[in-house]
Amino acid sequence: MDIIKNQRVAELVAELKNRHIVRNQSHFAEIIGSDKATISEIIREQIEVPKTLFGKILDKFPSVSREWLESGTGPMFRAEFGPTPGDPFPVHVEGDYANFGNQKVSIMSPEVMSYLREEQRQSAVHLTQIDRLIAIIEHITGTPFDK
């Protein structure tokens, strides 16, 4: 088994999480169309990286360097739109498209939509919590809170 490939997958998932592109291993598996258990077993070095996995990763994350993914040489992300400090999604967006090197990809891609849905869900949770706190304050003070 080529444990080095497994480690690169684990490193990539960690970096994508760090950049807020994926939420966790399960989200990564969902985006690339893989089984959650398979990704977990790869990261825990229990199984070999399937031959088709790198193609799936490069298809959904075109900013990842093929050379780095396959051999470990060079930077993790391709230089023409490499990571910018503080940029959680290192691409240039124009209108409804993002430029990945010479490719134009719809910003409605699965990974972007998944990220936006999660952000929307978290915002709804926070608003619910704020409404509950306001109700508690209104009950304790007996004064309506002007929203």
Protein backbone atom coordinates (compact mmCIF):
# COMPACT_ATOMS: atom_id res chain seq x y z
CA MET A 1 0.00 0.00 0.00
CA ASP A 2 1.23 3.50 -0.89
CA ILE A 3 0.65 5.23 2.44
CA ILE A 4 2.15 8.44 1.04
CA LYS A 5 -0.89 8.85 -1.27
CA ASN A 6 -3.19 8.35 1.70
CA GLN A 7 -1.30 11.04 3.60
CA ARG A 8 -1.65 13.47 0.68
CA VAL A 9 -5.41 12.91 0.63
CA ALA A 10 -5.52 13.56 4.39
CA GLU A 11 -3.38 16.68 3.97
CA LEU A 12 -5.60 17.96 1.16
CA VAL A 13 -8.80 17.44 3.14
CA ALA A 14 -7.23 19.24 6.13
CA GLU A 15 -6.19 22.19 3.93
CA LEU A 16 -9.62 22.41 2.27
CA LYS A 17 -11.20 22.41 5.75
CA ASN A 18 -8.75 25.09 6.86
CA ARG A 19 -9.76 27.24 3.88
CA HIS A 20 -13.47 26.66 4.61
CA ILE A 21 -14.01 24.99 1.24
CA VAL A 22 -15.21 21.76 2.86
CA ARG A 23 -16.70 21.31 6.32
CA ASN A 24 -15.31 17.85 7.07
CA GLN A 25 -14.35 14.50 5.53
CA SER A 26 -17.99 13.63 4.85
CA HIS A 27 -18.55 16.90 3.00
CA PHE A 28 -15.37 16.27 0.96
CA ALA A 29 -16.62 12.76 0.08
CA GLU A 30 -20.02 14.15 -0.93
CA ILE A 31 -18.47 16.76 -3.22
CA ILE A 32 -16.20 14.33 -5.07
CA GLY A 33 -18.91 11.65 -5.25
CA SER A 34 -17.18 9.14 -3.04
CA ASP A 35 -18.33 7.05 -0.12
CA LYS A 36 -17.77 8.66 3.31
CA ALA A 37 -16.42 5.40 4.72
CA THR A 38 -13.92 5.13 1.87
CA ILE A 39 -12.47 8.58 2.56
CA SER A 40 -12.30 7.81 6.27
CA GLU A 41 -10.50 4.52 5.64
CA ILE A 42 -8.06 6.22 3.25
CA ILE A 43 -7.22 8.90 5.81
CA ARG A 44 -6.80 6.26 8.55
CA GLU A 45 -4.51 4.38 6.11
CA GLN A 46 -6.69 1.26 6.22
CA ILE A 47 -7.17 0.97 2.46
CA GLU A 48 -5.31 2.01 -0.67
CA VAL A 49 -6.35 5.11 -2.56
CA PRO A 50 -8.60 3.91 -5.42
CA LYS A 51 -7.22 4.65 -8.90
CA THR A 52 -10.24 6.81 -9.77
CA LEU A 53 -10.09 9.00 -6.65
CA PHE A 54 -7.48 11.48 -7.89
CA GLY A 55 -9.50 12.09 -11.06
CA LYS A 56 -12.61 12.81 -8.98
CA ILE A 57 -10.64 15.20 -6.76
CA LEU A 58 -9.13 17.06 -9.73
CA ASP A 59 -12.53 17.24 -11.43
CA LYS A 60 -14.20 18.91 -8.45
CA PHE A 61 -11.18 20.87 -7.18
CA PRO A 62 -9.33 22.02 -10.32
CA SER A 63 -7.10 24.34 -8.29
CA VAL A 64 -5.34 21.28 -6.82
CA SER A 65 -2.07 20.50 -8.55
CA ARG A 66 -2.15 17.13 -10.34
CA GLU A 67 1.62 16.85 -9.89
CA TRP A 68 1.37 17.35 -6.13
CA LEU A 69 -1.58 14.99 -5.77
CA GLU A 70 0.02 12.16 -7.76
CA SER A 71 3.68 12.50 -6.78
CA GLY A 72 3.88 14.94 -3.88
CA THR A 73 6.15 17.34 -5.75
CA GLY A 74 5.51 21.04 -6.08
CA PRO A 75 2.83 23.10 -4.35
CA MET A 76 -0.56 21.68 -3.40
CA PHE A 77 -2.37 24.28 -5.51
CA ARG A 78 -1.61 25.32 -9.06
CA ALA A 79 0.38 28.56 -9.27
CA GLU A 80 -1.80 30.44 -11.76
CA PHE A 81 -4.46 30.97 -9.10
CA GLY A 82 -2.68 29.70 -6.05
CA PRO A 83 -3.85 30.38 -2.53
CA THR A 84 -3.88 33.96 -1.34
CA PRO A 85 -3.44 34.56 2.40
CA GLY A 86 -6.85 34.97 4.00
CA ASP A 87 -8.73 33.88 0.87
CA PRO A 88 -10.89 30.86 1.76
CA PHE A 89 -11.70 30.06 -1.88
CA PRO A 90 -8.69 30.93 -4.03
CA VAL A 91 -10.33 31.68 -7.37
CA HIS A 92 -11.27 34.78 -9.32
CA VAL A 93 -15.03 35.19 -9.66
CA GLU A 94 -16.58 37.13 -12.56
CA GLY A 95 -20.36 37.23 -12.72
CA ASP A 96 -21.74 33.72 -12.56
CA TYR A 97 -18.38 32.07 -13.25
CA ALA A 98 -15.12 31.46 -11.45
CA ASN A 99 -11.86 31.22 -13.38
CA PHE A 100 -9.82 28.09 -12.63
CA GLY A 101 -6.76 28.64 -14.80
CA ASN A 102 -8.06 28.50 -18.37
CA GLN A 103 -11.39 26.94 -17.32
CA LYS A 104 -14.55 28.85 -16.50
CA VAL A 105 -16.63 27.04 -13.91
CA SER A 106 -20.11 28.01 -12.78
CA ILE A 107 -20.10 29.36 -9.25
CA MET A 108 -23.16 27.20 -8.81
CA SER A 109 -20.84 24.19 -8.69
CA PRO A 110 -21.64 21.52 -6.08
CA GLU A 111 -18.91 22.57 -3.66
CA VAL A 112 -19.92 26.25 -3.76
CA MET A 113 -23.60 25.43 -3.39
CA SER A 114 -22.89 23.05 -0.48
CA TYR A 115 -20.82 25.73 1.23
CA LEU A 116 -23.55 28.35 0.74
CA ARG A 117 -26.27 25.97 2.00
CA GLU A 118 -24.25 25.29 5.16
CA GLU A 119 -23.67 29.01 5.71
CA GLN A 120 -27.40 29.63 5.30
CA ARG A 121 -28.22 26.82 7.75
CA GLN A 122 -25.79 28.18 10.34
CA SER A 123 -27.21 31.69 9.94
CA ALA A 124 -30.74 30.37 10.54
CA VAL A 125 -29.57 28.60 13.70
CA HIS A 126 -27.94 31.80 14.96
CA LEU A 127 -31.06 33.86 14.25
CA THR A 128 -33.18 31.35 16.17
CA GLN A 129 -30.81 31.58 19.13
CA ILE A 130 -30.92 35.38 19.04
CA ASP A 131 -34.74 35.34 18.95
CA ARG A 132 -34.78 33.05 22.00
CA LEU A 133 -32.44 35.37 23.91
CA ILE A 134 -34.60 38.37 23.03
CA ALA A 135 -37.70 36.54 24.29
CA ILE A 136 -35.93 35.73 27.57
CA ILE A 137 -34.82 39.36 28.02
CA GLU A 138 -38.34 40.60 27.26
CA HIS A 139 -39.80 38.13 29.78
CA ILE A 140 -37.33 39.09 32.52
CA THR A 141 -37.58 42.84 32.01
CA GLY A 142 -41.24 42.95 31.03
CA THR A 143 -40.26 45.34 28.25
CA PRO A 144 -40.69 44.58 24.54
CA PHE A 145 -37.42 44.66 22.65
CA ASP A 146 -37.46 46.74 19.49
CA LYS A 147 -36.00 44.52 16.75
